[in-house]
Amino acid sequence: MNNAHLERAISRLHNGTTNEVTRAQAEATLALAYEQRTANLIAAFGQLITDDDTVTFLGERVDGLELAKQIKERLDLE
């Protein structure tokens, strides 16, 4: 899985200074948001009957193929 925020959070913890730990916490929060968006994409995809169907995601109509593409990118399946 390619979550750059998580990788940065982990690398910042190795330094150990107060500032770096605080920055690591911020990166960890962003990493969690990234993973939540991935989960939301998968949930939206699960609402589709066929790849040609569309669903509203964050106020935008997207089709199943576009959702599948985004999910695969996030999970490093391409």
N, C-alpha and C. Protein backbone atom coordinates (compact mmCIF):
# COMPACT_ATOMS: atom_id res chain seq x y z
N MET A 1 0.84 -1.17 0.00
CA MET A 1 0.00 0.00 0.00
C MET A 1 0.89 1.24 0.00
N ASN A 2 0.49 2.24 -0.74
CA ASN A 2 1.32 3.42 -0.90
C ASN A 2 0.66 4.61 -0.21
N ASN A 3 0.86 4.74 1.07
CA ASN A 3 0.33 5.87 1.82
C ASN A 3 1.51 6.71 2.28
N ALA A 4 1.81 7.74 1.51
CA ALA A 4 2.99 8.57 1.78
C ALA A 4 2.93 9.21 3.16
N HIS A 5 1.74 9.55 3.63
CA HIS A 5 1.62 10.17 4.95
C HIS A 5 2.08 9.20 6.04
N LEU A 6 1.70 7.95 5.92
CA LEU A 6 2.11 6.96 6.90
C LEU A 6 3.62 6.77 6.89
N GLU A 7 4.20 6.71 5.71
CA GLU A 7 5.65 6.56 5.60
C GLU A 7 6.38 7.74 6.24
N ARG A 8 5.87 8.96 6.01
CA ARG A 8 6.50 10.15 6.61
C ARG A 8 6.34 10.14 8.13
N ALA A 9 5.16 9.72 8.61
CA ALA A 9 4.93 9.68 10.06
C ALA A 9 5.92 8.73 10.72
N ILE A 10 6.10 7.57 10.14
CA ILE A 10 7.02 6.58 10.72
C ILE A 10 8.45 7.11 10.70
N SER A 11 8.85 7.73 9.61
CA SER A 11 10.23 8.22 9.52
C SER A 11 10.48 9.36 10.50
N ARG A 12 9.47 10.19 10.77
CA ARG A 12 9.63 11.30 11.71
C ARG A 12 9.79 10.79 13.15
N LEU A 13 9.19 9.69 13.48
CA LEU A 13 9.27 9.17 14.84
C LEU A 13 10.69 8.74 15.20
N HIS A 14 11.48 8.38 14.21
CA HIS A 14 12.84 7.93 14.48
C HIS A 14 13.73 9.06 14.98
N ASN A 15 13.43 10.31 14.62
CA ASN A 15 14.21 11.45 15.08
C ASN A 15 13.96 11.70 16.56
N GLY A 16 12.70 11.66 16.98
CA GLY A 16 12.37 11.72 18.39
C GLY A 16 12.27 13.09 19.03
N THR A 17 12.61 14.17 18.33
CA THR A 17 12.45 15.49 18.93
C THR A 17 10.97 15.81 19.08
N THR A 18 10.63 16.71 19.99
CA THR A 18 9.23 17.07 20.23
C THR A 18 8.57 17.57 18.96
N ASN A 19 9.27 18.39 18.22
CA ASN A 19 8.73 18.92 16.97
C ASN A 19 8.45 17.80 15.97
N GLU A 20 9.36 16.88 15.84
CA GLU A 20 9.20 15.79 14.88
C GLU A 20 8.07 14.84 15.30
N VAL A 21 7.92 14.61 16.59
CA VAL A 21 6.83 13.76 17.07
C VAL A 21 5.49 14.43 16.78
N THR A 22 5.41 15.72 16.98
CA THR A 22 4.18 16.47 16.67
C THR A 22 3.88 16.39 15.19
N ARG A 23 4.89 16.54 14.38
CA ARG A 23 4.69 16.44 12.93
C ARG A 23 4.30 15.02 12.54
N ALA A 24 4.84 14.03 13.23
CA ALA A 24 4.48 12.64 12.96
C ALA A 24 3.00 12.41 13.29
N GLN A 25 2.51 13.03 14.35
CA GLN A 25 1.10 12.90 14.70
C GLN A 25 0.22 13.51 13.61
N ALA A 26 0.63 14.65 13.08
CA ALA A 26 -0.13 15.28 12.00
C ALA A 26 -0.13 14.39 10.76
N GLU A 27 1.02 13.83 10.42
CA GLU A 27 1.11 12.92 9.27
C GLU A 27 0.26 11.67 9.49
N ALA A 28 0.23 11.18 10.73
CA ALA A 28 -0.57 10.00 11.03
C ALA A 28 -2.06 10.30 10.85
N THR A 29 -2.47 11.51 11.22
CA THR A 29 -3.87 11.92 11.01
C THR A 29 -4.19 11.97 9.52
N LEU A 30 -3.29 12.51 8.73
CA LEU A 30 -3.49 12.54 7.28
C LEU A 30 -3.49 11.13 6.69
N ALA A 31 -2.67 10.25 7.25
CA ALA A 31 -2.65 8.85 6.78
C ALA A 31 -3.99 8.19 7.04
N LEU A 32 -4.56 8.47 8.20
CA LEU A 32 -5.87 7.90 8.53
C LEU A 32 -6.94 8.44 7.58
N ALA A 33 -6.89 9.72 7.26
CA ALA A 33 -7.85 10.30 6.31
C ALA A 33 -7.71 9.66 4.94
N TYR A 34 -6.49 9.40 4.53
CA TYR A 34 -6.23 8.74 3.24
C TYR A 34 -6.89 7.36 3.22
N GLU A 35 -6.71 6.61 4.30
CA GLU A 35 -7.27 5.26 4.38
C GLU A 35 -8.80 5.31 4.44
N GLN A 36 -9.34 6.32 5.13
CA GLN A 36 -10.79 6.46 5.21
C GLN A 36 -11.37 6.76 3.83
N ARG A 37 -10.69 7.59 3.05
CA ARG A 37 -11.17 7.88 1.69
C ARG A 37 -11.15 6.60 0.85
N THR A 38 -10.12 5.79 1.00
CA THR A 38 -10.08 4.52 0.28
C THR A 38 -11.28 3.66 0.67
N ALA A 39 -11.57 3.59 1.95
CA ALA A 39 -12.73 2.81 2.41
C ALA A 39 -14.02 3.38 1.84
N ASN A 40 -14.13 4.69 1.77
CA ASN A 40 -15.33 5.32 1.19
C ASN A 40 -15.46 5.02 -0.29
N LEU A 41 -14.35 5.00 -1.01
CA LEU A 41 -14.38 4.64 -2.44
C LEU A 41 -14.88 3.21 -2.61
N ILE A 42 -14.39 2.31 -1.77
CA ILE A 42 -14.82 0.91 -1.86
C ILE A 42 -16.30 0.78 -1.53
N ALA A 43 -16.77 1.52 -0.53
CA ALA A 43 -18.18 1.47 -0.16
C ALA A 43 -19.05 2.02 -1.29
N ALA A 44 -18.61 3.10 -1.93
CA ALA A 44 -19.36 3.67 -3.05
C ALA A 44 -19.40 2.67 -4.21
N PHE A 45 -18.28 2.01 -4.45
CA PHE A 45 -18.22 1.02 -5.53
C PHE A 45 -19.19 -0.13 -5.25
N GLY A 46 -19.33 -0.49 -3.99
CA GLY A 46 -20.22 -1.56 -3.60
C GLY A 46 -21.69 -1.25 -3.85
N GLN A 47 -22.02 0.02 -4.05
CA GLN A 47 -23.40 0.42 -4.31
C GLN A 47 -23.78 0.26 -5.78
N LEU A 48 -22.80 0.00 -6.63
CA LEU A 48 -23.04 -0.09 -8.06
C LEU A 48 -23.47 -1.50 -8.45
N ILE A 49 -24.35 -1.58 -9.43
CA ILE A 49 -24.77 -2.87 -9.95
C ILE A 49 -23.84 -3.32 -11.08
N THR A 50 -23.51 -2.40 -11.99
CA THR A 50 -22.58 -2.69 -13.08
C THR A 50 -21.54 -1.59 -13.14
N ASP A 51 -20.46 -1.83 -13.88
CA ASP A 51 -19.41 -0.82 -14.02
C ASP A 51 -19.90 0.43 -14.74
N ASP A 52 -20.99 0.31 -15.50
CA ASP A 52 -21.52 1.47 -16.23
C ASP A 52 -22.40 2.34 -15.35
N ASP A 53 -22.83 1.83 -14.21
CA ASP A 53 -23.65 2.62 -13.30
C ASP A 53 -22.82 3.78 -12.77
N THR A 54 -23.53 4.80 -12.31
CA THR A 54 -22.85 5.93 -11.69
C THR A 54 -23.36 6.09 -10.27
N VAL A 55 -22.53 6.72 -9.47
CA VAL A 55 -22.87 6.99 -8.08
C VAL A 55 -22.35 8.39 -7.77
N THR A 56 -23.01 9.08 -6.85
CA THR A 56 -22.53 10.39 -6.43
C THR A 56 -21.51 10.18 -5.31
N PHE A 57 -20.32 10.66 -5.53
CA PHE A 57 -19.25 10.55 -4.54
C PHE A 57 -18.67 11.93 -4.32
N LEU A 58 -18.82 12.43 -3.11
CA LEU A 58 -18.37 13.78 -2.75
C LEU A 58 -18.97 14.83 -3.69
N GLY A 59 -20.25 14.66 -4.00
CA GLY A 59 -20.97 15.63 -4.81
C GLY A 59 -20.73 15.53 -6.30
N GLU A 60 -20.00 14.53 -6.73
CA GLU A 60 -19.67 14.38 -8.15
C GLU A 60 -20.13 13.01 -8.64
N ARG A 61 -20.74 12.98 -9.81
CA ARG A 61 -21.17 11.70 -10.39
C ARG A 61 -19.96 11.01 -11.02
N VAL A 62 -19.71 9.79 -10.59
CA VAL A 62 -18.61 9.01 -11.15
C VAL A 62 -19.12 7.62 -11.49
N ASP A 63 -18.51 7.02 -12.51
CA ASP A 63 -18.94 5.68 -12.89
C ASP A 63 -18.06 4.63 -12.22
N GLY A 64 -18.51 3.39 -12.34
CA GLY A 64 -17.82 2.29 -11.68
C GLY A 64 -16.39 2.11 -12.15
N LEU A 65 -16.14 2.34 -13.42
CA LEU A 65 -14.78 2.18 -13.93
C LEU A 65 -13.82 3.19 -13.30
N GLU A 66 -14.29 4.42 -13.12
CA GLU A 66 -13.45 5.44 -12.49
C GLU A 66 -13.20 5.10 -11.02
N LEU A 67 -14.24 4.67 -10.32
CA LEU A 67 -14.05 4.27 -8.93
C LEU A 67 -13.07 3.11 -8.83
N ALA A 68 -13.23 2.11 -9.70
CA ALA A 68 -12.33 0.96 -9.68
C ALA A 68 -10.89 1.39 -9.93
N LYS A 69 -10.70 2.32 -10.85
CA LYS A 69 -9.36 2.82 -11.15
C LYS A 69 -8.74 3.48 -9.92
N GLN A 70 -9.51 4.33 -9.24
CA GLN A 70 -8.99 5.02 -8.05
C GLN A 70 -8.67 4.02 -6.93
N ILE A 71 -9.54 3.03 -6.76
CA ILE A 71 -9.31 2.02 -5.72
C ILE A 71 -8.04 1.23 -6.02
N LYS A 72 -7.88 0.81 -7.27
CA LYS A 72 -6.68 0.05 -7.64
C LYS A 72 -5.41 0.85 -7.43
N GLU A 73 -5.45 2.13 -7.76
CA GLU A 73 -4.28 2.99 -7.56
C GLU A 73 -3.92 3.07 -6.07
N ARG A 74 -4.93 3.25 -5.24
CA ARG A 74 -4.69 3.39 -3.81
C ARG A 74 -4.19 2.10 -3.18
N LEU A 75 -4.61 0.97 -3.72
CA LEU A 75 -4.19 -0.31 -3.17
C LEU A 75 -3.01 -0.92 -3.91
N ASP A 76 -2.42 -0.15 -4.82
CA ASP A 76 -1.27 -0.61 -5.63
C ASP A 76 -1.57 -1.90 -6.36
N LEU A 77 -2.74 -1.97 -6.99
CA LEU A 77 -3.13 -3.16 -7.72
C LEU A 77 -2.92 -3.02 -9.23
N GLU A 78 -2.42 -1.88 -9.66
CA GLU A 78 -2.19 -1.69 -11.10
C GLU A 78 -0.73 -1.86 -11.43
